């Protein structure tokens, strides 16, 4: 098992990869909704000066993603279905259990798997104190995806590392991961978070 958290442009990296280099890509690309300009909750996660969520990735990102991975799970695919350009019955719904909150009840992910739609229930308030990224997803969500969609020995690709939750999930579930993050600040924080998790495990 190896966890590689790379600083750089995922599209340029994918262009140098062979076909079907990864068994499964689990990605959370920008939704193009300018979440970086929104004030979420108390305003803790507002990221001044960042414009990474101003648009969805270009078409060649998706072309490369489908070329280098055998299967895909793509969060926010409902915002970019015109670029994904393929039907699927196997969508995933993350039920955030927000109740009457002003925020969205959940998020959708496209999957390339020919199986029934599945849902995962988890409220973000359970780990809110550990959040530093405005679109940070819980480790438990990625563990659930790995448990249900990955096979033993699969190589995992993540093109937008963000908070690094997937790196911790892959370590906990013993999957090899190659991930990319283009923002140096987020990359540093994600690497630190992963290293702290590993250090805590060695104490017990």
C-alpha atoms as a PDB file:
ATOM      1  CA  UNK A   1       0.000   0.000   0.000  1.00  0.00           C
ATOM      2  CA  UNK A   2       1.271   3.484  -0.870  1.00  0.00           C
ATOM      3  CA  UNK A   3      -0.291   6.921  -0.358  1.00  0.00           C
ATOM      4  CA  UNK A   4       1.115   9.585  -2.685  1.00  0.00           C
ATOM      5  CA  UNK A   5      -0.170  13.145  -2.212  1.00  0.00           C
ATOM      6  CA  UNK A   6       1.139  15.229  -5.104  1.00  0.00           C
ATOM      7  CA  UNK A   7       1.206  19.008  -5.516  1.00  0.00           C
ATOM      8  CA  UNK A   8       0.432  19.840  -9.134  1.00  0.00           C
ATOM      9  CA  UNK A   9      -2.018  19.964 -12.022  1.00  0.00           C
ATOM     10  CA  UNK A  10      -3.988  16.725 -12.248  1.00  0.00           C
ATOM     11  CA  UNK A  11      -4.806  17.192 -15.934  1.00  0.00           C
ATOM     12  CA  UNK A  12      -1.161  17.457 -16.910  1.00  0.00           C
ATOM     13  CA  UNK A  13      -0.418  14.425 -14.737  1.00  0.00           C
ATOM     14  CA  UNK A  14      -3.160  12.334 -16.357  1.00  0.00           C
ATOM     15  CA  UNK A  15      -1.927  13.167 -19.847  1.00  0.00           C
ATOM     16  CA  UNK A  16       1.293  11.296 -19.065  1.00  0.00           C
ATOM     17  CA  UNK A  17      -0.473   8.197 -17.687  1.00  0.00           C
ATOM     18  CA  UNK A  18      -1.164   4.986 -19.628  1.00  0.00           C
ATOM     19  CA  UNK A  19      -4.713   3.805 -20.346  1.00  0.00           C
ATOM     20  CA  UNK A  20      -6.476   2.137 -17.389  1.00  0.00           C
ATOM     21  CA  UNK A  21      -3.659   3.036 -14.996  1.00  0.00           C
ATOM     22  CA  UNK A  22      -6.108   3.011 -12.073  1.00  0.00           C
ATOM     23  CA  UNK A  23      -8.855   0.628 -11.074  1.00  0.00           C
ATOM     24  CA  UNK A  24     -11.047   3.326  -9.551  1.00  0.00           C
ATOM     25  CA  UNK A  25     -11.076   7.125  -9.628  1.00  0.00           C
ATOM     26  CA  UNK A  26     -12.912   8.817  -6.756  1.00  0.00           C
ATOM     27  CA  UNK A  27     -12.933  12.536  -7.521  1.00  0.00           C
ATOM     28  CA  UNK A  28     -14.517  15.719  -6.222  1.00  0.00           C
ATOM     29  CA  UNK A  29     -13.818  18.350  -8.906  1.00  0.00           C
ATOM     30  CA  UNK A  30     -15.023  21.977  -8.755  1.00  0.00           C
ATOM     31  CA  UNK A  31     -18.796  22.277  -9.202  1.00  0.00           C
ATOM     32  CA  UNK A  32     -18.589  25.750 -10.753  1.00  0.00           C
ATOM     33  CA  UNK A  33     -20.872  27.315  -8.115  1.00  0.00           C
ATOM     34  CA  UNK A  34     -18.317  29.698  -6.569  1.00  0.00           C
ATOM     35  CA  UNK A  35     -18.468  28.011  -3.183  1.00  0.00           C
ATOM     36  CA  UNK A  36     -15.146  29.717  -2.428  1.00  0.00           C
ATOM     37  CA  UNK A  37     -17.066  33.024  -2.278  1.00  0.00           C
ATOM     38  CA  UNK A  38     -19.862  31.732  -0.075  1.00  0.00           C
ATOM     39  CA  UNK A  39     -20.004  32.166   3.673  1.00  0.00           C
ATOM     40  CA  UNK A  40     -20.720  28.706   5.057  1.00  0.00           C
ATOM     41  CA  UNK A  41     -22.081  28.381   8.569  1.00  0.00           C
ATOM     42  CA  UNK A  42     -20.318  30.900  10.817  1.00  0.00           C
ATOM     43  CA  UNK A  43     -18.069  32.042   7.967  1.00  0.00           C
ATOM     44  CA  UNK A  44     -15.187  29.853   9.113  1.00  0.00           C
ATOM     45  CA  UNK A  45     -14.784  28.251   5.701  1.00  0.00           C
ATOM     46  CA  UNK A  46     -14.884  31.364   3.517  1.00  0.00           C
ATOM     47  CA  UNK A  47     -11.734  31.422   1.398  1.00  0.00           C
ATOM     48  CA  UNK A  48     -10.906  34.929   0.287  1.00  0.00           C
ATOM     49  CA  UNK A  49      -8.955  35.297  -2.944  1.00  0.00           C
ATOM     50  CA  UNK A  50      -9.465  31.748  -4.221  1.00  0.00           C
ATOM     51  CA  UNK A  51     -11.273  31.178  -7.519  1.00  0.00           C
ATOM     52  CA  UNK A  52     -10.922  27.430  -7.991  1.00  0.00           C
ATOM     53  CA  UNK A  53     -14.704  26.858  -7.995  1.00  0.00           C
ATOM     54  CA  UNK A  54     -15.578  29.460 -10.633  1.00  0.00           C
ATOM     55  CA  UNK A  55     -16.179  26.779 -13.295  1.00  0.00           C
ATOM     56  CA  UNK A  56     -16.250  23.020 -13.822  1.00  0.00           C
ATOM     57  CA  UNK A  57     -13.205  21.271 -15.300  1.00  0.00           C
ATOM     58  CA  UNK A  58     -12.757  21.372 -19.100  1.00  0.00           C
ATOM     59  CA  UNK A  59     -13.888  18.535 -21.349  1.00  0.00           C
ATOM     60  CA  UNK A  60     -10.372  17.135 -21.705  1.00  0.00           C
ATOM     61  CA  UNK A  61     -10.252  16.559 -17.926  1.00  0.00           C
ATOM     62  CA  UNK A  62     -13.157  14.116 -18.220  1.00  0.00           C
ATOM     63  CA  UNK A  63     -11.746  12.543 -21.388  1.00  0.00           C
ATOM     64  CA  UNK A  64      -8.480  11.851 -19.566  1.00  0.00           C
ATOM     65  CA  UNK A  65     -10.215  10.698 -16.382  1.00  0.00           C
ATOM     66  CA  UNK A  66     -12.209   8.048 -18.254  1.00  0.00           C
ATOM     67  CA  UNK A  67      -9.106   7.023 -20.199  1.00  0.00           C
ATOM     68  CA  UNK A  68      -6.809   6.463 -17.208  1.00  0.00           C
ATOM     69  CA  UNK A  69      -9.327   4.797 -14.858  1.00  0.00           C
ATOM     70  CA  UNK A  70     -11.429   1.667 -15.281  1.00  0.00           C
ATOM     71  CA  UNK A  71     -14.245   2.909 -13.023  1.00  0.00           C
ATOM     72  CA  UNK A  72     -15.195   6.337 -11.717  1.00  0.00           C
ATOM     73  CA  UNK A  73     -17.082   8.003  -8.868  1.00  0.00           C
ATOM     74  CA  UNK A  74     -17.538  11.719  -9.590  1.00  0.00           C
ATOM     75  CA  UNK A  75     -19.012  14.033  -6.951  1.00  0.00           C
ATOM     76  CA  UNK A  76     -21.083  16.961  -8.202  1.00  0.00           C
ATOM     77  CA  UNK A  77     -21.669  15.214 -11.524  1.00  0.00           C
ATOM     78  CA  UNK A  78     -25.143  16.769 -11.727  1.00  0.00           C
ATOM     79  CA  UNK A  79     -23.354  20.087 -12.417  1.00  0.00           C
ATOM     80  CA  UNK A  80     -21.272  18.662 -15.267  1.00  0.00           C
ATOM     81  CA  UNK A  81     -23.343  15.894 -16.837  1.00  0.00           C
ATOM     82  CA  UNK A  82     -22.952  17.560 -20.248  1.00  0.00           C
ATOM     83  CA  UNK A  83     -19.214  16.819 -20.054  1.00  0.00           C
ATOM     84  CA  UNK A  84     -19.537  13.322 -18.612  1.00  0.00           C
ATOM     85  CA  UNK A  85     -21.751  12.364 -21.544  1.00  0.00           C
ATOM     86  CA  UNK A  86     -22.771   8.891 -20.439  1.00  0.00           C
ATOM     87  CA  UNK A  87     -25.802   7.449 -18.635  1.00  0.00           C
ATOM     88  CA  UNK A  88     -25.574   5.555 -15.340  1.00  0.00           C
ATOM     89  CA  UNK A  89     -28.024   3.844 -13.018  1.00  0.00           C
ATOM     90  CA  UNK A  90     -25.489   3.584 -10.200  1.00  0.00           C
ATOM     91  CA  UNK A  91     -25.552   7.077  -8.713  1.00  0.00           C
ATOM     92  CA  UNK A  92     -24.687   7.706  -5.048  1.00  0.00           C
ATOM     93  CA  UNK A  93     -26.587  10.097  -2.792  1.00  0.00           C
ATOM     94  CA  UNK A  94     -24.954  11.482   0.358  1.00  0.00           C
ATOM     95  CA  UNK A  95     -27.768  12.381   2.753  1.00  0.00           C
ATOM     96  CA  UNK A  96     -26.347  15.089   4.990  1.00  0.00           C
ATOM     97  CA  UNK A  97     -29.274  14.867   7.424  1.00  0.00           C
ATOM     98  CA  UNK A  98     -29.570  18.633   7.519  1.00  0.00           C
ATOM     99  CA  UNK A  99     -33.265  18.568   8.398  1.00  0.00           C
ATOM    100  CA  UNK A 100     -34.771  22.033   8.032  1.00  0.00           C
ATOM    101  CA  UNK A 101     -31.404  23.670   7.405  1.00  0.00           C
ATOM    102  CA  UNK A 102     -30.985  26.298   4.663  1.00  0.00           C
ATOM    103  CA  UNK A 103     -28.214  24.137   3.213  1.00  0.00           C
ATOM    104  CA  UNK A 104     -28.655  21.350   0.656  1.00  0.00           C
ATOM    105  CA  UNK A 105     -30.101  18.065   1.893  1.00  0.00           C
ATOM    106  CA  UNK A 106     -27.296  16.160   0.194  1.00  0.00           C
ATOM    107  CA  UNK A 107     -24.926  15.682  -2.724  1.00  0.00           C
ATOM    108  CA  UNK A 108     -24.921  13.431  -5.793  1.00  0.00           C
ATOM    109  CA  UNK A 109     -22.124  11.393  -7.331  1.00  0.00           C
ATOM    110  CA  UNK A 110     -22.058   9.681 -10.718  1.00  0.00           C
ATOM    111  CA  UNK A 111     -20.617   6.180 -10.724  1.00  0.00           C
ATOM    112  CA  UNK A 112     -19.731   3.986 -13.674  1.00  0.00           C
ATOM    113  CA  UNK A 113     -21.054   0.907 -11.855  1.00  0.00           C
ATOM    114  CA  UNK A 114     -24.087  -0.885 -13.264  1.00  0.00           C
ATOM    115  CA  UNK A 115     -25.958  -1.225  -9.994  1.00  0.00           C
ATOM    116  CA  UNK A 116     -28.822   0.393  -8.129  1.00  0.00           C
ATOM    117  CA  UNK A 117     -28.566   3.887  -6.664  1.00  0.00           C
ATOM    118  CA  UNK A 118     -27.273   3.831  -3.092  1.00  0.00           C
ATOM    119  CA  UNK A 119     -27.351   6.406  -0.277  1.00  0.00           C
ATOM    120  CA  UNK A 120     -25.071   7.171   2.652  1.00  0.00           C
ATOM    121  CA  UNK A 121     -26.289   9.069   5.710  1.00  0.00           C
ATOM    122  CA  UNK A 122     -23.869  11.217   7.699  1.00  0.00           C
ATOM    123  CA  UNK A 123     -24.190  14.667   9.279  1.00  0.00           C
ATOM    124  CA  UNK A 124     -21.185  16.986   8.946  1.00  0.00           C
ATOM    125  CA  UNK A 125     -21.641  18.338  12.461  1.00  0.00           C
ATOM    126  CA  UNK A 126     -19.982  15.145  13.700  1.00  0.00           C
ATOM    127  CA  UNK A 127     -16.574  16.357  12.537  1.00  0.00           C
ATOM    128  CA  UNK A 128     -17.059  20.081  11.939  1.00  0.00           C
ATOM    129  CA  UNK A 129     -14.227  21.086  14.288  1.00  0.00           C
ATOM    130  CA  UNK A 130     -11.715  19.356  12.005  1.00  0.00           C
ATOM    131  CA  UNK A 131     -12.763  21.122   8.794  1.00  0.00           C
ATOM    132  CA  UNK A 132     -10.478  23.545   6.964  1.00  0.00           C
ATOM    133  CA  UNK A 133     -11.785  23.235   3.386  1.00  0.00           C
ATOM    134  CA  UNK A 134     -15.177  24.623   2.250  1.00  0.00           C
ATOM    135  CA  UNK A 135     -16.136  21.426   0.405  1.00  0.00           C
ATOM    136  CA  UNK A 136     -14.534  18.983   2.834  1.00  0.00           C
ATOM    137  CA  UNK A 137     -16.161  15.561   2.860  1.00  0.00           C
ATOM    138  CA  UNK A 138     -16.030  13.198   5.836  1.00  0.00           C
ATOM    139  CA  UNK A 139     -13.569  10.332   6.045  1.00  0.00           C
ATOM    140  CA  UNK A 140     -16.494   8.030   6.756  1.00  0.00           C
ATOM    141  CA  UNK A 141     -18.019   8.810   3.346  1.00  0.00           C
ATOM    142  CA  UNK A 142     -14.848   7.754   1.534  1.00  0.00           C
ATOM    143  CA  UNK A 143     -14.537   4.634   3.691  1.00  0.00           C
ATOM    144  CA  UNK A 144     -18.109   3.708   2.723  1.00  0.00           C
ATOM    145  CA  UNK A 145     -17.311   4.223  -0.970  1.00  0.00           C
ATOM    146  CA  UNK A 146     -14.226   2.024  -0.698  1.00  0.00           C
ATOM    147  CA  UNK A 147     -16.138  -0.653   1.195  1.00  0.00           C
ATOM    148  CA  UNK A 148     -18.886  -0.740  -1.426  1.00  0.00           C
ATOM    149  CA  UNK A 149     -17.163   0.028  -4.742  1.00  0.00           C
ATOM    150  CA  UNK A 150     -13.484  -0.936  -4.480  1.00  0.00           C
ATOM    151  CA  UNK A 151     -11.966  -4.399  -4.589  1.00  0.00           C
ATOM    152  CA  UNK A 152      -8.949  -5.609  -2.658  1.00  0.00           C
ATOM    153  CA  UNK A 153      -5.793  -4.529  -4.449  1.00  0.00           C
ATOM    154  CA  UNK A 154      -7.439  -1.709  -6.422  1.00  0.00           C
ATOM    155  CA  UNK A 155      -5.328   1.357  -7.189  1.00  0.00           C
ATOM    156  CA  UNK A 156      -7.237   4.562  -6.419  1.00  0.00           C
ATOM    157  CA  UNK A 157      -6.916   7.937  -8.172  1.00  0.00           C
ATOM    158  CA  UNK A 158      -8.056  11.291  -6.758  1.00  0.00           C
ATOM    159  CA  UNK A 159      -7.574  14.351  -8.969  1.00  0.00           C
ATOM    160  CA  UNK A 160      -8.674  16.991  -6.433  1.00  0.00           C
ATOM    161  CA  UNK A 161      -7.313  16.102  -3.001  1.00  0.00           C
ATOM    162  CA  UNK A 162      -8.780  19.101  -1.169  1.00  0.00           C
ATOM    163  CA  UNK A 163      -8.838  18.350   2.557  1.00  0.00           C
ATOM    164  CA  UNK A 164      -7.282  14.920   2.126  1.00  0.00           C
ATOM    165  CA  UNK A 165     -10.140  12.891   3.641  1.00  0.00           C
ATOM    166  CA  UNK A 166      -9.706  10.224   0.965  1.00  0.00           C
ATOM    167  CA  UNK A 167      -6.055   9.700   1.904  1.00  0.00           C
ATOM    168  CA  UNK A 168      -7.002   8.791   5.469  1.00  0.00           C
ATOM    169  CA  UNK A 169      -9.818   6.523   4.251  1.00  0.00           C
ATOM    170  CA  UNK A 170      -7.472   4.728   1.842  1.00  0.00           C
ATOM    171  CA  UNK A 171      -4.921   4.222   4.608  1.00  0.00           C
ATOM    172  CA  UNK A 172      -7.583   2.888   6.979  1.00  0.00           C
ATOM    173  CA  UNK A 173      -8.900   0.490   4.321  1.00  0.00           C
ATOM    174  CA  UNK A 174      -5.440  -0.477   2.959  1.00  0.00           C
ATOM    175  CA  UNK A 175      -5.779   0.908  -0.576  1.00  0.00           C
ATOM    176  CA  UNK A 176      -2.985   2.516  -2.587  1.00  0.00           C
ATOM    177  CA  UNK A 177      -3.773   6.102  -3.602  1.00  0.00           C
ATOM    178  CA  UNK A 178      -2.295   8.646  -5.980  1.00  0.00           C
ATOM    179  CA  UNK A 179      -3.816  12.100  -5.463  1.00  0.00           C
ATOM    180  CA  UNK A 180      -3.206  15.585  -6.827  1.00  0.00           C
ATOM    181  CA  UNK A 181      -3.931  19.042  -5.433  1.00  0.00           C
ATOM    182  CA  UNK A 182      -3.067  22.227  -7.319  1.00  0.00           C
ATOM    183  CA  UNK A 183      -3.493  24.652  -4.393  1.00  0.00           C
ATOM    184  CA  UNK A 184      -0.314  24.698  -2.284  1.00  0.00           C
ATOM    185  CA  UNK A 185      -2.104  25.862   0.874  1.00  0.00           C
ATOM    186  CA  UNK A 186      -4.664  23.047   0.746  1.00  0.00           C
ATOM    187  CA  UNK A 187      -1.980  20.526  -0.203  1.00  0.00           C
ATOM    188  CA  UNK A 188       0.136  21.433   2.815  1.00  0.00           C
ATOM    189  CA  UNK A 189      -2.875  21.200   5.142  1.00  0.00           C
ATOM    190  CA  UNK A 190      -3.984  17.869   3.675  1.00  0.00           C
ATOM    191  CA  UNK A 191      -0.513  16.352   4.006  1.00  0.00           C
ATOM    192  CA  UNK A 192      -0.291  17.566   7.602  1.00  0.00           C
ATOM    193  CA  UNK A 193      -3.701  16.089   8.375  1.00  0.00           C
ATOM    194  CA  UNK A 194      -2.704  12.740   6.899  1.00  0.00           C
ATOM    195  CA  UNK A 195       0.617  12.680   8.748  1.00  0.00           C
ATOM    196  CA  UNK A 196      -1.102  13.530  12.048  1.00  0.00           C
ATOM    197  CA  UNK A 197      -3.526  10.656  11.500  1.00  0.00           C
ATOM    198  CA  UNK A 198      -0.658   8.246  10.911  1.00  0.00           C
ATOM    199  CA  UNK A 199       1.187   9.541  13.979  1.00  0.00           C
ATOM    200  CA  UNK A 200      -1.886   9.040  16.160  1.00  0.00           C
ATOM    201  CA  UNK A 201      -2.205   5.436  15.002  1.00  0.00           C
ATOM    202  CA  UNK A 202       1.374   4.675  16.013  1.00  0.00           C
ATOM    203  CA  UNK A 203       0.579   5.723  19.594  1.00  0.00           C
ATOM    204  CA  UNK A 204      -1.830   2.848  20.084  1.00  0.00           C
END
